[in-house]
Amino acid sequence: MWLSPFVVRAREMLPLAEIYVYEDDYTKQIDGFIGLNNDYIEGLFVKETMQSKGIGKQLINHVKKVKSILKLSVYQKNEKATKFYLREKFSIQSETVDDNTGEKEFVMVWRR
């Protein structure tokens, strides 16, 4: 069996996080998931072929019903993700540098 990076990443996160998945009703394929560690979004992943179809928004909306505050970090150069989170009512709380990569990132927060 061959595992895509999408599935491998999910398996790495499963023991460590609260995971919510988006499964296509027709194909029964998992097209996206979001992983939380308490109120911190560890990752939001949507298959590349399924991006810009509202899956990320549905996942975010679901966890907004479960949590009253959400936090995350996103690389500043990832403009598409930054715009997505701003559109979803997250605000930039601070700017920092990822110690592992040296990349500048935004720390973003959403509150109910």
N, C-alpha and C. Protein backbone atom coordinates (compact mmCIF):
# COMPACT_ATOMS: atom_id res chain seq x y z
N MET A 1 0.85 -1.17 0.00
CA MET A 1 0.00 0.00 0.00
C MET A 1 0.89 1.24 0.00
N TRP A 2 0.56 2.21 -0.83
CA TRP A 2 1.27 3.48 -0.91
C TRP A 2 0.49 4.52 -0.14
N LEU A 3 1.15 5.29 0.73
CA LEU A 3 0.50 6.34 1.50
C LEU A 3 0.95 7.70 0.99
N SER A 4 0.00 8.53 0.68
CA SER A 4 0.35 9.88 0.23
C SER A 4 0.87 10.67 1.42
N PRO A 5 1.59 11.77 1.18
CA PRO A 5 2.05 12.62 2.28
C PRO A 5 0.89 13.11 3.14
N PHE A 6 -0.26 13.32 2.52
CA PHE A 6 -1.47 13.75 3.22
C PHE A 6 -1.83 12.75 4.32
N VAL A 7 -1.85 11.47 3.97
CA VAL A 7 -2.21 10.42 4.93
C VAL A 7 -1.12 10.23 5.97
N VAL A 8 0.13 10.28 5.54
CA VAL A 8 1.25 10.12 6.48
C VAL A 8 1.20 11.23 7.52
N ARG A 9 0.98 12.47 7.11
CA ARG A 9 0.91 13.60 8.04
C ARG A 9 -0.24 13.39 9.03
N ALA A 10 -1.37 12.90 8.54
CA ALA A 10 -2.51 12.64 9.42
C ALA A 10 -2.14 11.60 10.48
N ARG A 11 -1.47 10.55 10.08
CA ARG A 11 -1.08 9.51 11.03
C ARG A 11 -0.11 10.02 12.07
N GLU A 12 0.78 10.95 11.67
CA GLU A 12 1.71 11.54 12.63
C GLU A 12 0.96 12.37 13.66
N MET A 13 -0.10 13.05 13.24
CA MET A 13 -0.84 13.95 14.12
C MET A 13 -1.85 13.23 14.99
N LEU A 14 -2.38 12.12 14.55
CA LEU A 14 -3.48 11.46 15.25
C LEU A 14 -3.22 11.20 16.73
N PRO A 15 -2.07 10.66 17.11
CA PRO A 15 -1.87 10.40 18.54
C PRO A 15 -1.73 11.67 19.37
N LEU A 16 -1.45 12.78 18.74
CA LEU A 16 -1.12 14.00 19.47
C LEU A 16 -2.23 15.04 19.48
N ALA A 17 -3.26 14.87 18.67
CA ALA A 17 -4.21 15.96 18.50
C ALA A 17 -5.65 15.45 18.39
N GLU A 18 -6.55 16.39 18.56
CA GLU A 18 -7.97 16.18 18.33
C GLU A 18 -8.16 16.41 16.83
N ILE A 19 -8.65 15.42 16.10
CA ILE A 19 -8.71 15.50 14.65
C ILE A 19 -10.17 15.50 14.18
N TYR A 20 -10.47 16.41 13.26
CA TYR A 20 -11.77 16.44 12.58
C TYR A 20 -11.50 16.29 11.10
N VAL A 21 -12.27 15.41 10.45
CA VAL A 21 -12.03 15.15 9.04
C VAL A 21 -13.23 15.57 8.20
N TYR A 22 -12.93 15.89 6.95
CA TYR A 22 -13.97 16.14 5.95
C TYR A 22 -13.95 14.95 5.01
N GLU A 23 -15.06 14.24 4.97
CA GLU A 23 -15.18 13.08 4.09
C GLU A 23 -16.25 13.37 3.05
N ASP A 24 -15.91 13.13 1.79
CA ASP A 24 -16.86 13.32 0.71
C ASP A 24 -17.97 12.27 0.84
N ASP A 25 -19.23 12.72 0.86
CA ASP A 25 -20.35 11.81 1.04
C ASP A 25 -20.46 10.78 -0.09
N TYR A 26 -20.09 11.18 -1.30
CA TYR A 26 -20.23 10.30 -2.45
C TYR A 26 -19.06 9.32 -2.57
N THR A 27 -17.83 9.83 -2.53
CA THR A 27 -16.66 8.97 -2.75
C THR A 27 -16.18 8.29 -1.48
N LYS A 28 -16.61 8.80 -0.33
CA LYS A 28 -16.16 8.29 0.98
C LYS A 28 -14.65 8.48 1.18
N GLN A 29 -14.07 9.43 0.45
CA GLN A 29 -12.66 9.77 0.57
C GLN A 29 -12.50 10.94 1.55
N ILE A 30 -11.45 10.90 2.35
CA ILE A 30 -11.12 12.03 3.22
C ILE A 30 -10.39 13.07 2.37
N ASP A 31 -11.00 14.25 2.26
CA ASP A 31 -10.44 15.31 1.44
C ASP A 31 -9.76 16.39 2.26
N GLY A 32 -9.92 16.35 3.57
CA GLY A 32 -9.27 17.34 4.42
C GLY A 32 -9.42 16.99 5.88
N PHE A 33 -8.58 17.62 6.70
CA PHE A 33 -8.70 17.44 8.14
C PHE A 33 -8.06 18.62 8.85
N ILE A 34 -8.47 18.78 10.10
CA ILE A 34 -7.90 19.81 10.95
C ILE A 34 -7.50 19.15 12.26
N GLY A 35 -6.33 19.49 12.76
CA GLY A 35 -5.83 18.92 14.01
C GLY A 35 -5.66 20.00 15.05
N LEU A 36 -6.22 19.75 16.23
CA LEU A 36 -6.15 20.70 17.33
C LEU A 36 -5.40 20.11 18.50
N ASN A 37 -4.65 20.95 19.17
CA ASN A 37 -4.03 20.62 20.44
C ASN A 37 -4.58 21.65 21.42
N ASN A 38 -5.61 21.27 22.17
CA ASN A 38 -6.39 22.20 22.98
C ASN A 38 -7.01 23.25 22.07
N ASP A 39 -6.61 24.52 22.18
CA ASP A 39 -7.19 25.55 21.32
C ASP A 39 -6.24 25.96 20.19
N TYR A 40 -5.16 25.24 20.02
CA TYR A 40 -4.16 25.55 18.98
C TYR A 40 -4.38 24.67 17.76
N ILE A 41 -4.51 25.30 16.61
CA ILE A 41 -4.65 24.56 15.36
C ILE A 41 -3.26 24.12 14.92
N GLU A 42 -2.99 22.83 15.06
CA GLU A 42 -1.69 22.27 14.66
C GLU A 42 -1.57 22.23 13.14
N GLY A 43 -2.69 22.04 12.46
CA GLY A 43 -2.66 22.00 11.01
C GLY A 43 -4.04 21.90 10.42
N LEU A 44 -4.19 22.50 9.26
CA LEU A 44 -5.41 22.40 8.46
C LEU A 44 -4.94 21.97 7.09
N PHE A 45 -5.37 20.79 6.68
CA PHE A 45 -4.91 20.22 5.42
C PHE A 45 -6.08 19.87 4.53
N VAL A 46 -6.01 20.30 3.28
CA VAL A 46 -7.00 19.95 2.28
C VAL A 46 -6.23 19.46 1.06
N LYS A 47 -6.67 18.31 0.51
CA LYS A 47 -6.02 17.78 -0.69
C LYS A 47 -5.91 18.88 -1.73
N GLU A 48 -4.78 18.93 -2.40
CA GLU A 48 -4.54 20.00 -3.38
C GLU A 48 -5.65 20.07 -4.42
N THR A 49 -6.11 18.91 -4.88
CA THR A 49 -7.16 18.89 -5.91
C THR A 49 -8.52 19.33 -5.38
N MET A 50 -8.66 19.43 -4.07
CA MET A 50 -9.94 19.79 -3.47
C MET A 50 -9.92 21.19 -2.83
N GLN A 51 -8.82 21.91 -2.99
CA GLN A 51 -8.72 23.24 -2.41
C GLN A 51 -9.62 24.22 -3.15
N SER A 52 -10.00 25.28 -2.45
CA SER A 52 -10.88 26.34 -2.97
C SER A 52 -12.29 25.83 -3.27
N LYS A 53 -12.72 24.82 -2.53
CA LYS A 53 -14.08 24.28 -2.68
C LYS A 53 -14.88 24.39 -1.38
N GLY A 54 -14.34 25.14 -0.42
CA GLY A 54 -15.06 25.38 0.83
C GLY A 54 -14.79 24.36 1.93
N ILE A 55 -13.90 23.41 1.70
CA ILE A 55 -13.64 22.37 2.69
C ILE A 55 -12.94 22.95 3.92
N GLY A 56 -11.94 23.78 3.71
CA GLY A 56 -11.23 24.41 4.83
C GLY A 56 -12.18 25.26 5.67
N LYS A 57 -13.05 26.00 5.01
CA LYS A 57 -14.03 26.84 5.70
C LYS A 57 -14.96 25.97 6.54
N GLN A 58 -15.41 24.84 6.00
CA GLN A 58 -16.29 23.96 6.76
C GLN A 58 -15.59 23.40 7.99
N LEU A 59 -14.32 23.03 7.82
CA LEU A 59 -13.56 22.50 8.96
C LEU A 59 -13.38 23.58 10.04
N ILE A 60 -13.03 24.78 9.62
CA ILE A 60 -12.86 25.90 10.57
C ILE A 60 -14.19 26.18 11.27
N ASN A 61 -15.27 26.24 10.51
CA ASN A 61 -16.57 26.52 11.11
C ASN A 61 -16.95 25.46 12.14
N HIS A 62 -16.61 24.22 11.86
CA HIS A 62 -16.92 23.15 12.81
C HIS A 62 -16.17 23.34 14.13
N VAL A 63 -14.87 23.62 14.06
CA VAL A 63 -14.12 23.76 15.31
C VAL A 63 -14.49 25.05 16.04
N LYS A 64 -14.99 26.05 15.31
CA LYS A 64 -15.48 27.27 15.98
C LYS A 64 -16.69 26.96 16.85
N LYS A 65 -17.45 25.92 16.50
CA LYS A 65 -18.60 25.51 17.31
C LYS A 65 -18.15 24.78 18.57
N VAL A 66 -16.98 24.17 18.51
CA VAL A 66 -16.46 23.35 19.60
C VAL A 66 -15.61 24.17 20.57
N LYS A 67 -14.93 25.16 20.06
CA LYS A 67 -13.98 25.96 20.86
C LYS A 67 -14.43 27.42 20.91
N SER A 68 -14.07 28.12 21.97
CA SER A 68 -14.40 29.54 22.06
C SER A 68 -13.21 30.42 21.67
N ILE A 69 -12.04 29.82 21.59
CA ILE A 69 -10.84 30.53 21.13
C ILE A 69 -10.01 29.55 20.32
N LEU A 70 -9.42 30.05 19.24
CA LEU A 70 -8.53 29.25 18.39
C LEU A 70 -7.28 30.07 18.11
N LYS A 71 -6.15 29.40 18.12
CA LYS A 71 -4.87 30.04 17.84
C LYS A 71 -4.15 29.22 16.78
N LEU A 72 -3.27 29.87 16.03
CA LEU A 72 -2.45 29.17 15.04
C LEU A 72 -1.27 30.04 14.66
N SER A 73 -0.32 29.43 13.99
CA SER A 73 0.81 30.15 13.41
C SER A 73 0.82 29.85 11.92
N VAL A 74 1.12 30.87 11.12
CA VAL A 74 1.17 30.70 9.67
C VAL A 74 2.35 31.49 9.13
N TYR A 75 3.08 30.89 8.20
CA TYR A 75 4.21 31.61 7.60
C TYR A 75 3.72 32.86 6.89
N GLN A 76 4.42 33.98 7.10
CA GLN A 76 4.03 35.23 6.47
C GLN A 76 4.03 35.14 4.95
N LYS A 77 4.94 34.34 4.40
CA LYS A 77 5.01 34.23 2.94
C LYS A 77 3.85 33.41 2.37
N ASN A 78 3.10 32.72 3.22
CA ASN A 78 1.95 31.94 2.77
C ASN A 78 0.74 32.88 2.73
N GLU A 79 0.72 33.74 1.72
CA GLU A 79 -0.31 34.77 1.61
C GLU A 79 -1.71 34.18 1.46
N LYS A 80 -1.82 33.07 0.75
CA LYS A 80 -3.13 32.45 0.55
C LYS A 80 -3.73 32.01 1.89
N ALA A 81 -2.92 31.37 2.74
CA ALA A 81 -3.40 30.93 4.04
C ALA A 81 -3.70 32.12 4.94
N THR A 82 -2.84 33.13 4.93
CA THR A 82 -3.06 34.31 5.76
C THR A 82 -4.38 34.98 5.39
N LYS A 83 -4.62 35.15 4.09
CA LYS A 83 -5.88 35.76 3.63
C LYS A 83 -7.08 34.91 4.05
N PHE A 84 -6.93 33.58 3.96
CA PHE A 84 -8.00 32.68 4.36
C PHE A 84 -8.35 32.90 5.83
N TYR A 85 -7.36 32.89 6.70
CA TYR A 85 -7.63 33.04 8.13
C TYR A 85 -8.18 34.42 8.46
N LEU A 86 -7.69 35.46 7.80
CA LEU A 86 -8.25 36.79 8.02
C LEU A 86 -9.71 36.83 7.60
N ARG A 87 -10.04 36.20 6.47
CA ARG A 87 -11.41 36.11 6.00
C ARG A 87 -12.30 35.37 7.00
N GLU A 88 -11.70 34.43 7.72
CA GLU A 88 -12.44 33.63 8.70
C GLU A 88 -12.43 34.28 10.09
N LYS A 89 -12.10 35.57 10.13
CA LYS A 89 -12.18 36.39 11.35
C LYS A 89 -11.09 36.11 12.38
N PHE A 90 -9.95 35.55 11.94
CA PHE A 90 -8.78 35.47 12.80
C PHE A 90 -8.08 36.82 12.72
N SER A 91 -7.42 37.22 13.78
CA SER A 91 -6.65 38.46 13.75
C SER A 91 -5.19 38.14 14.06
N ILE A 92 -4.32 38.97 13.53
CA ILE A 92 -2.89 38.79 13.78
C ILE A 92 -2.59 39.32 15.17
N GLN A 93 -2.11 38.43 16.03
CA GLN A 93 -1.81 38.80 17.40
C GLN A 93 -0.37 39.28 17.53
N SER A 94 0.54 38.60 16.79
CA SER A 94 1.95 38.97 16.85
C SER A 94 2.69 38.39 15.66
N GLU A 95 3.93 38.82 15.52
CA GLU A 95 4.82 38.27 14.50
C GLU A 95 6.00 37.63 15.23
N THR A 96 6.47 36.53 14.69
CA THR A 96 7.58 35.82 15.30
C THR A 96 8.38 35.11 14.22
N VAL A 97 9.40 34.37 14.64
CA VAL A 97 10.21 33.58 13.72
C VAL A 97 10.17 32.13 14.19
N ASP A 98 9.88 31.23 13.27
CA ASP A 98 9.87 29.80 13.58
C ASP A 98 11.31 29.37 13.86
N ASP A 99 11.55 28.86 15.07
CA ASP A 99 12.90 28.46 15.47
C ASP A 99 13.47 27.34 14.60
N ASN A 100 12.60 26.46 14.11
CA ASN A 100 13.06 25.32 13.31
C ASN A 100 13.43 25.69 11.89
N THR A 101 12.72 26.66 11.32
CA THR A 101 12.93 26.97 9.89
C THR A 101 13.52 28.35 9.65
N GLY A 102 13.45 29.23 10.64
CA GLY A 102 13.90 30.60 10.44
C GLY A 102 12.91 31.45 9.67
N GLU A 103 11.73 30.90 9.37
CA GLU A 103 10.70 31.62 8.62
C GLU A 103 9.94 32.57 9.53
N LYS A 104 9.63 33.75 9.00
CA LYS A 104 8.78 34.69 9.71
C LYS A 104 7.35 34.16 9.66
N GLU A 105 6.65 34.30 10.80
CA GLU A 105 5.28 33.83 10.84
C GLU A 105 4.39 34.77 11.64
N PHE A 106 3.09 34.68 11.37
CA PHE A 106 2.10 35.40 12.13
C PHE A 106 1.50 34.44 13.15
N VAL A 107 1.28 34.92 14.36
CA VAL A 107 0.48 34.20 15.34
C VAL A 107 -0.90 34.83 15.25
N MET A 108 -1.91 33.99 14.95
CA MET A 108 -3.25 34.48 14.72
C MET A 108 -4.22 33.88 15.74
N VAL A 109 -5.26 34.65 16.06
CA VAL A 109 -6.23 34.24 17.07
C VAL A 109 -7.64 34.55 16.60
N TRP A 110 -8.55 33.64 16.93
CA TRP A 110 -9.99 33.86 16.74
C TRP A 110 -10.66 33.68 18.09
N ARG A 111 -11.60 34.58 18.40
CA ARG A 111 -12.39 34.47 19.63
C ARG A 111 -13.87 34.57 19.28
N ARG A 112 -14.66 33.73 19.95
CA ARG A 112 -16.10 33.74 19.73
C ARG A 112 -16.70 35.04 20.20
